[in-house]
Amino acid sequence: MQIPLVDLKAQYNSIKDEIDEAVHRVIDKTSFIMGEEVRKFEEEFALFCKAKYAVGVANGTEALMLALKVCGLTSCDEVITVPNTFIATTEAITMIGAKIVFVDVNPDTYNIDINKIEEKITAKTKAIIPVHLYGQPADMDTINQLAKKYNLKIIEDAAQAHGAKYKGRRVGTLGDIASFSFYPGKNLGAYGDAGAIVTNNEELAQKIAMLRNHGRTKKYLHEVEGFNSRLDALQAAILRVKLRHLEDWNEERRKKAELYNHLFEPFPEIITPKVLENTVPVYHLYVVRVKNRDRLQNILKIKGISTGIHYPLPLHLQPAYSYLGYEEREFPVTEKMSKEILSLPMYAELKEKDIAYICEVMGAEI
């Protein structure tokens, strides 16, 4: 038996005819950059998020960078975020020259600890990037209150949370602006790199639309120097197909998570995900915590069960950020988590019998 961590082939097989038609449609039209497919996807994704505007870009990292840029962040500014995220979150900050300021995370939700944010705010702080990690929404009410109190921008990192809800609202509409990644393994994934920015602010949306396309509003008229960060038509067409299925896929992920949780109940040594009250997660990843994680991961591998660790070395301890001067034990919750977390197989097509097998193996070895 082999159970993958993610099974993109199973997903493709379930919508093969729709995907193939969309790909052939784009190729037949030979319109590959921007155009109708991108425009329609932007409209449909904005509608899905219950936002006014969505702007397609080349990838999730550049989505974050452009969001920071149009919010006016400069090299004089500080941006607060978490150390237990993919490096794209912090790369975007340094791409515009701003300084990264880390805040530890909540031991239950693994999202930013709202009780530790205010102590990190200085006169140079200009923005907060809450990461909706693993598809679990961050606790946004307090973050918004702090942003209002200190006149800060909120840029949501929603790369793992397509369709998640916080108190009835979709992530992506809970701050000033939000970035999404459509990396292939995401809940809404392209067949290559792709991303989008979502906002209710018309001015910000217009600036991003111009910056992503060499700073122009029409051909050969460049208002500013911009970037080549366009969402290509082929990826947009694929995303349009997948978007029609996203709600059903997310619901299936929640059902899989509930089954995992139920089957792990006899094993208190396995700490299952906790869901913040009044939120609807989408389980981009199903992450448990266990002692002797590495030993258990090796056993699961032998048994044909693929797993992952998201993320094994926190950002503040990465060689790339040694210049920030952080040391071990500065973010104890994040560091403890990194030694215990284990991502188990999670996708809409995952079979119940496979979940039962995973839980049986783990229960016997824990």
Protein backbone atom coordinates (compact mmCIF):
# COMPACT_ATOMS: atom_id res chain seq x y z
CA MET A 1 0.00 0.00 0.00
CA GLN A 2 1.24 3.47 -0.94
CA ILE A 3 -0.59 6.55 0.34
CA PRO A 4 0.77 9.86 -0.96
CA LEU A 5 0.76 13.07 1.03
CA VAL A 6 -1.04 14.76 -1.87
CA ASP A 7 -2.52 13.06 -4.95
CA LEU A 8 -2.78 15.52 -7.83
CA LYS A 9 -3.27 12.69 -10.33
CA ALA A 10 -6.44 11.56 -8.56
CA GLN A 11 -7.73 15.11 -8.63
CA TYR A 12 -6.93 15.50 -12.33
CA ASN A 13 -8.66 12.22 -13.19
CA SER A 14 -11.84 13.44 -11.46
CA ILE A 15 -12.07 16.54 -13.71
CA LYS A 16 -10.00 15.44 -16.70
CA ASP A 17 -12.53 16.33 -19.40
CA GLU A 18 -13.08 19.83 -17.99
CA ILE A 19 -9.36 20.51 -17.66
CA ASP A 20 -8.54 19.19 -21.12
CA GLU A 21 -11.26 21.33 -22.68
CA ALA A 22 -9.98 24.46 -20.92
CA VAL A 23 -6.38 23.82 -22.00
CA HIS A 24 -7.38 23.17 -25.62
CA ARG A 25 -9.53 26.32 -25.59
CA VAL A 26 -6.56 28.49 -24.67
CA ILE A 27 -4.25 26.83 -27.17
CA ASP A 28 -6.82 27.15 -29.96
CA LYS A 29 -7.08 30.88 -29.30
CA THR A 30 -3.27 31.24 -28.97
CA SER A 31 -3.83 33.97 -26.40
CA PHE A 32 -1.43 33.03 -23.64
CA ILE A 33 -0.64 36.22 -21.69
CA MET A 34 -3.40 38.06 -19.82
CA GLY A 35 -6.61 38.32 -21.85
CA GLU A 36 -10.11 36.96 -21.36
CA GLU A 37 -9.27 33.88 -19.29
CA VAL A 38 -7.37 35.95 -16.75
CA ARG A 39 -10.08 38.60 -16.59
CA LYS A 40 -12.81 36.00 -16.05
CA PHE A 41 -10.82 34.17 -13.40
CA GLU A 42 -10.23 37.44 -11.54
CA GLU A 43 -13.95 38.14 -11.57
CA GLU A 44 -14.85 34.63 -10.46
CA PHE A 45 -12.24 34.46 -7.71
CA ALA A 46 -13.27 37.87 -6.35
CA LEU A 47 -16.86 36.64 -6.27
CA PHE A 48 -15.79 33.45 -4.50
CA CYS A 49 -13.90 35.44 -1.85
CA LYS A 50 -16.81 37.88 -1.51
CA ALA A 51 -14.38 40.68 -2.37
CA LYS A 52 -14.63 43.53 -4.85
CA TYR A 53 -11.37 42.90 -6.66
CA ALA A 54 -8.93 40.10 -7.47
CA VAL A 55 -5.78 40.61 -9.52
CA GLY A 56 -3.95 37.60 -10.94
CA VAL A 57 -0.16 37.55 -10.66
CA ALA A 58 2.68 35.14 -11.41
CA ASN A 59 2.96 33.47 -7.98
CA GLY A 60 2.14 33.79 -4.31
CA THR A 61 5.48 35.30 -3.32
CA GLU A 62 5.10 38.18 -5.73
CA ALA A 63 1.50 38.57 -4.65
CA LEU A 64 2.74 39.30 -1.13
CA MET A 65 5.52 41.57 -2.36
CA LEU A 66 3.17 43.61 -4.55
CA ALA A 67 0.63 43.84 -1.74
CA LEU A 68 3.27 45.28 0.58
CA LYS A 69 4.48 47.65 -2.09
CA VAL A 70 1.09 49.15 -2.92
CA CYS A 71 0.42 49.56 0.80
CA GLY A 72 3.36 51.97 0.86
CA LEU A 73 5.92 49.89 2.73
CA THR A 74 9.54 51.03 2.32
CA SER A 75 13.03 50.17 3.54
CA CYS A 76 12.47 52.28 6.65
CA ASP A 77 9.60 50.10 7.87
CA GLU A 78 9.09 47.02 10.01
CA VAL A 79 6.62 44.23 9.32
CA ILE A 80 5.37 41.82 11.96
CA THR A 81 4.79 38.17 11.08
CA VAL A 82 5.48 34.65 12.37
CA PRO A 83 8.58 32.41 12.20
CA ASN A 84 6.62 29.20 11.47
CA THR A 85 5.71 29.85 7.85
CA PHE A 86 7.20 29.22 4.45
CA ILE A 87 10.03 31.60 3.61
CA ALA A 88 7.95 33.29 0.89
CA THR A 89 6.21 35.30 3.62
CA THR A 90 9.44 36.89 4.77
CA GLU A 91 11.06 37.02 1.33
CA ALA A 92 8.29 39.40 0.29
CA ILE A 93 9.17 41.69 3.20
CA THR A 94 12.86 41.84 2.35
CA MET A 95 12.14 42.19 -1.38
CA ILE A 96 10.86 45.69 -0.66
CA GLY A 97 13.70 46.36 1.80
CA ALA A 98 11.60 46.31 4.97
CA LYS A 99 12.66 44.61 8.22
CA ILE A 100 11.18 41.35 9.48
CA VAL A 101 9.93 41.29 13.08
CA PHE A 102 8.85 37.89 14.38
CA VAL A 103 6.13 37.11 16.91
CA ASP A 104 5.68 33.64 18.42
CA VAL A 105 2.55 31.61 17.79
CA ASN A 106 -0.40 30.28 19.73
CA PRO A 107 0.32 26.71 20.96
CA ASP A 108 -3.18 25.53 20.01
CA THR A 109 -3.79 27.08 16.59
CA TYR A 110 -0.14 27.62 15.46
CA ASN A 111 -1.19 31.03 14.16
CA ILE A 112 0.21 34.33 15.41
CA ASP A 113 -0.21 34.81 19.16
CA ILE A 114 -2.46 37.86 19.38
CA ASN A 115 -1.31 38.49 22.96
CA LYS A 116 2.30 38.99 21.88
CA ILE A 117 1.87 41.35 18.95
CA GLU A 118 1.54 44.69 20.72
CA GLU A 119 4.86 44.37 22.56
CA LYS A 120 6.63 44.13 19.18
CA ILE A 121 5.06 47.28 17.72
CA THR A 122 7.42 50.26 17.41
CA ALA A 123 7.34 53.61 15.68
CA LYS A 124 8.73 51.86 12.60
CA THR A 125 6.04 49.17 12.45
CA LYS A 126 3.85 49.69 9.41
CA ALA A 127 2.18 46.34 8.77
CA ILE A 128 1.20 42.94 10.13
CA ILE A 129 1.14 39.79 8.00
CA PRO A 130 -1.05 37.19 9.72
CA VAL A 131 -0.57 33.78 8.10
CA HIS A 132 -3.64 31.54 7.95
CA LEU A 133 -1.46 28.50 8.48
CA TYR A 134 -2.55 25.06 7.26
CA GLY A 135 -5.91 26.55 6.24
CA GLN A 136 -6.83 27.67 9.79
CA PRO A 137 -7.84 31.36 9.95
CA ALA A 138 -5.87 33.58 12.30
CA ASP A 139 -7.71 35.41 15.09
CA MET A 140 -8.34 38.58 13.12
CA ASP A 141 -10.48 40.71 15.46
CA THR A 142 -7.61 41.58 17.80
CA ILE A 143 -5.23 42.06 14.88
CA ASN A 144 -7.64 44.53 13.30
CA GLN A 145 -8.02 46.37 16.60
CA LEU A 146 -4.25 46.74 16.91
CA ALA A 147 -4.00 47.87 13.30
CA LYS A 148 -6.57 50.56 13.90
CA LYS A 149 -4.91 51.66 17.16
CA TYR A 150 -1.44 51.99 15.61
CA ASN A 151 -2.44 52.86 12.03
CA LEU A 152 -1.00 49.65 10.57
CA LYS A 153 -1.76 47.83 7.33
CA ILE A 154 -2.93 44.22 7.44
CA ILE A 155 -1.77 41.98 4.61
CA GLU A 156 -3.27 38.51 4.92
CA ASP A 157 -1.11 35.62 3.82
CA ALA A 158 -3.90 33.34 2.61
CA ALA A 159 -1.67 31.05 0.55
CA GLN A 160 -2.96 27.97 2.41
CA ALA A 161 -6.52 29.06 3.14
CA HIS A 162 -8.58 29.31 -0.05
CA GLY A 163 -12.21 29.42 1.08
CA ALA A 164 -11.63 29.41 4.84
CA LYS A 165 -13.98 31.57 6.93
CA TYR A 166 -13.60 33.71 10.03
CA LYS A 167 -16.86 34.69 11.71
CA GLY A 168 -18.77 34.22 8.46
CA ARG A 169 -16.32 36.10 6.24
CA ARG A 170 -13.89 34.61 3.77
CA VAL A 171 -10.20 35.01 4.42
CA GLY A 172 -8.87 37.55 1.98
CA THR A 173 -11.43 40.14 3.09
CA LEU A 174 -10.32 40.47 6.72
CA GLY A 175 -7.60 43.11 6.27
CA ASP A 176 -6.53 45.74 3.78
CA ILE A 177 -5.33 43.28 1.18
CA ALA A 178 -4.56 39.57 0.85
CA SER A 179 -2.26 37.34 -1.14
CA PHE A 180 -3.02 33.86 -2.46
CA SER A 181 -0.76 31.22 -3.93
CA PHE A 182 -2.01 28.71 -6.49
CA TYR A 183 1.02 26.45 -6.27
CA PRO A 184 -0.10 23.02 -7.58
CA GLY A 185 -0.48 21.41 -4.14
CA LYS A 186 -2.76 24.13 -2.75
CA ASN A 187 -6.49 23.59 -2.22
CA LEU A 188 -6.91 25.65 -5.38
CA GLY A 189 -3.80 24.80 -7.36
CA ALA A 190 -2.66 25.62 -10.87
CA TYR A 191 -0.47 23.39 -13.04
CA GLY A 192 2.50 25.64 -12.44
CA ASP A 193 3.18 28.83 -10.51
CA ALA A 194 0.32 31.31 -10.11
CA GLY A 195 -1.04 33.73 -7.54
CA ALA A 196 -3.56 36.48 -6.87
CA ILE A 197 -4.17 39.51 -4.71
CA VAL A 198 -7.61 40.23 -3.27
CA THR A 199 -8.86 43.53 -1.86
CA ASN A 200 -11.93 45.72 -1.47
CA ASN A 201 -9.84 48.83 -2.15
CA GLU A 202 -10.17 49.97 -5.77
CA GLU A 203 -7.03 52.12 -5.66
CA LEU A 204 -4.87 49.26 -4.42
CA ALA A 205 -6.31 46.89 -7.03
CA GLN A 206 -5.58 49.36 -9.83
CA LYS A 207 -2.01 49.88 -8.65
CA ILE A 208 -1.36 46.14 -8.54
CA ALA A 209 -2.88 45.61 -11.98
CA MET A 210 -0.47 48.22 -13.32
CA LEU A 211 2.63 47.06 -11.42
CA ARG A 212 2.24 43.39 -12.36
CA ASN A 213 2.34 44.34 -16.05
CA HIS A 214 5.47 46.51 -16.35
CA GLY A 215 3.78 49.54 -14.80
CA ARG A 216 1.51 50.17 -17.74
CA THR A 217 -2.16 50.86 -18.23
CA LYS A 218 -2.00 50.26 -21.98
CA LYS A 219 0.58 48.97 -24.42
CA TYR A 220 3.86 50.93 -24.44
CA LEU A 221 2.57 53.58 -22.01
CA HIS A 222 4.31 52.99 -18.66
CA GLU A 223 3.13 55.13 -15.76
CA VAL A 224 5.80 53.72 -13.44
CA GLU A 225 8.48 51.07 -13.44
CA GLY A 226 6.75 47.81 -12.68
CA PHE A 227 7.33 44.07 -12.78
CA ASN A 228 6.68 41.13 -15.03
CA SER A 229 4.32 39.26 -12.71
CA ARG A 230 1.44 38.32 -14.97
CA LEU A 231 -0.86 35.34 -14.50
CA ASP A 232 -0.80 33.47 -17.78
CA ALA A 233 -4.00 32.47 -19.54
CA LEU A 234 -3.40 28.73 -19.41
CA GLN A 235 -3.14 28.75 -15.61
CA ALA A 236 -6.16 31.04 -15.34
CA ALA A 237 -8.25 28.66 -17.46
CA ILE A 238 -7.21 25.70 -15.28
CA LEU A 239 -7.97 27.65 -12.11
CA ARG A 240 -11.41 28.57 -13.43
CA VAL A 241 -12.25 24.89 -13.78
CA LYS A 242 -10.91 24.01 -10.34
CA LEU A 243 -12.64 26.95 -8.66
CA ARG A 244 -16.00 25.40 -9.56
CA HIS A 245 -15.08 22.37 -7.44
CA LEU A 246 -13.30 24.11 -4.56
CA GLU A 247 -16.22 24.26 -2.14
CA ASP A 248 -16.87 20.53 -2.53
CA TRP A 249 -13.18 19.70 -2.18
CA ASN A 250 -12.89 21.81 0.97
CA GLU A 251 -15.91 20.09 2.47
CA GLU A 252 -14.35 16.72 1.74
CA ARG A 253 -11.15 17.84 3.48
CA ARG A 254 -13.14 18.79 6.56
CA LYS A 255 -14.78 15.35 6.55
CA LYS A 256 -11.38 13.67 6.32
CA ALA A 257 -10.12 15.83 9.21
CA GLU A 258 -13.13 14.87 11.32
CA LEU A 259 -12.47 11.18 10.66
CA TYR A 260 -8.81 11.56 11.60
CA ASN A 261 -9.82 13.37 14.79
CA HIS A 262 -12.33 10.66 15.69
CA LEU A 263 -9.94 7.77 15.07
CA PHE A 264 -7.18 9.47 17.05
CA GLU A 265 -9.41 9.97 20.13
CA PRO A 266 -8.11 6.83 21.90
CA PHE A 267 -4.55 8.16 21.56
CA PRO A 268 -4.10 11.33 23.65
CA GLU A 269 -0.38 11.26 22.78
CA ILE A 270 -1.40 12.40 19.29
CA ILE A 271 -2.34 16.08 19.43
CA THR A 272 -4.85 16.82 16.69
CA PRO A 273 -5.61 20.26 15.17
CA LYS A 274 -7.67 22.66 17.26
CA VAL A 275 -10.10 24.95 15.48
CA LEU A 276 -10.61 28.55 16.58
CA GLU A 277 -14.21 29.29 17.58
CA ASN A 278 -16.41 30.74 14.82
CA THR A 279 -14.05 29.69 12.05
CA VAL A 280 -14.34 27.26 9.15
CA PRO A 281 -10.92 25.81 8.24
CA VAL A 282 -10.08 24.22 4.91
CA TYR A 283 -7.27 21.86 5.98
CA HIS A 284 -4.70 22.57 3.34
CA LEU A 285 -2.65 20.37 5.64
CA TYR A 286 -3.70 18.03 8.40
CA VAL A 287 -0.99 18.46 11.02
CA VAL A 288 -0.67 16.53 14.28
CA ARG A 289 1.93 16.77 17.03
CA VAL A 290 3.70 13.74 18.45
CA LYS A 291 6.74 12.95 20.55
CA ASN A 292 9.50 11.03 18.78
CA ARG A 293 8.23 12.48 15.52
CA ASP A 294 11.22 11.42 13.41
CA ARG A 295 11.01 7.80 14.53
CA LEU A 296 7.30 7.68 13.78
CA GLN A 297 7.79 9.32 10.39
CA ASN A 298 10.29 6.65 9.43
CA ILE A 299 7.91 3.88 10.47
CA LEU A 300 5.10 5.42 8.42
CA LYS A 301 7.42 5.60 5.41
CA ILE A 302 8.21 1.88 5.74
CA LYS A 303 4.46 1.20 5.88
CA GLY A 304 3.91 3.11 2.62
CA ILE A 305 2.50 6.29 4.16
CA SER A 306 3.92 9.58 2.94
CA THR A 307 4.16 12.45 5.43
CA GLY A 308 5.67 15.92 5.59
CA ILE A 309 6.97 18.46 8.09
CA HIS A 310 5.71 22.03 7.66
CA TYR A 311 8.17 23.39 8.77
CA PRO A 312 11.21 21.60 10.27
CA LEU A 313 13.43 24.65 10.86
CA PRO A 314 11.76 27.91 11.91
CA LEU A 315 12.65 30.99 9.88
CA HIS A 316 14.42 32.78 12.73
CA LEU A 317 16.93 29.91 12.81
CA GLN A 318 17.43 29.66 9.07
CA PRO A 319 20.94 30.52 7.80
CA ALA A 320 19.39 33.07 5.46
CA TYR A 321 18.24 35.13 8.47
CA SER A 322 21.29 34.84 10.69
CA TYR A 323 21.82 38.57 10.11
CA LEU A 324 18.67 39.31 12.13
CA GLY A 325 20.47 38.11 15.25
CA TYR A 326 17.81 35.77 16.60
CA GLU A 327 18.89 32.86 18.78
CA GLU A 328 17.38 29.60 19.93
CA ARG A 329 14.68 29.76 22.59
CA GLU A 330 13.51 33.24 21.53
CA PHE A 331 10.30 31.73 20.15
CA PRO A 332 9.77 28.66 22.33
CA VAL A 333 6.34 27.65 21.04
CA THR A 334 7.46 27.70 17.42
CA GLU A 335 10.65 25.79 18.24
CA LYS A 336 8.79 23.14 20.25
CA MET A 337 6.26 22.71 17.45
CA SER A 338 8.94 22.30 14.80
CA LYS A 339 10.22 19.19 16.59
CA GLU A 340 6.79 17.58 16.95
CA ILE A 341 4.62 18.49 13.95
CA LEU A 342 3.80 15.91 11.30
CA SER A 343 1.65 16.48 8.22
CA LEU A 344 -0.47 13.46 7.29
CA PRO A 345 -2.04 12.70 3.89
CA MET A 346 -4.86 15.14 3.15
CA TYR A 347 -6.78 15.61 -0.09
CA ALA A 348 -10.42 15.36 -1.16
CA GLU A 349 -9.94 11.99 -2.86
CA LEU A 350 -8.29 10.35 0.17
CA LYS A 351 -10.14 7.12 0.99
CA GLU A 352 -11.60 6.46 4.44
CA LYS A 353 -9.92 3.06 4.55
CA ASP A 354 -6.57 4.75 4.01
CA ILE A 355 -7.21 7.13 6.91
CA ALA A 356 -8.16 4.15 9.07
CA TYR A 357 -4.91 2.41 8.11
CA ILE A 358 -2.84 5.53 8.89
CA CYS A 359 -4.48 5.89 12.29
CA GLU A 360 -4.06 2.19 13.03
CA VAL A 361 -0.35 2.29 12.26
CA MET A 362 0.19 5.44 14.29
CA GLY A 363 -1.84 4.15 17.22
CA ALA A 364 0.22 1.01 17.35
CA GLU A 365 3.56 2.82 17.18
CA ILE A 366 2.94 5.91 19.26
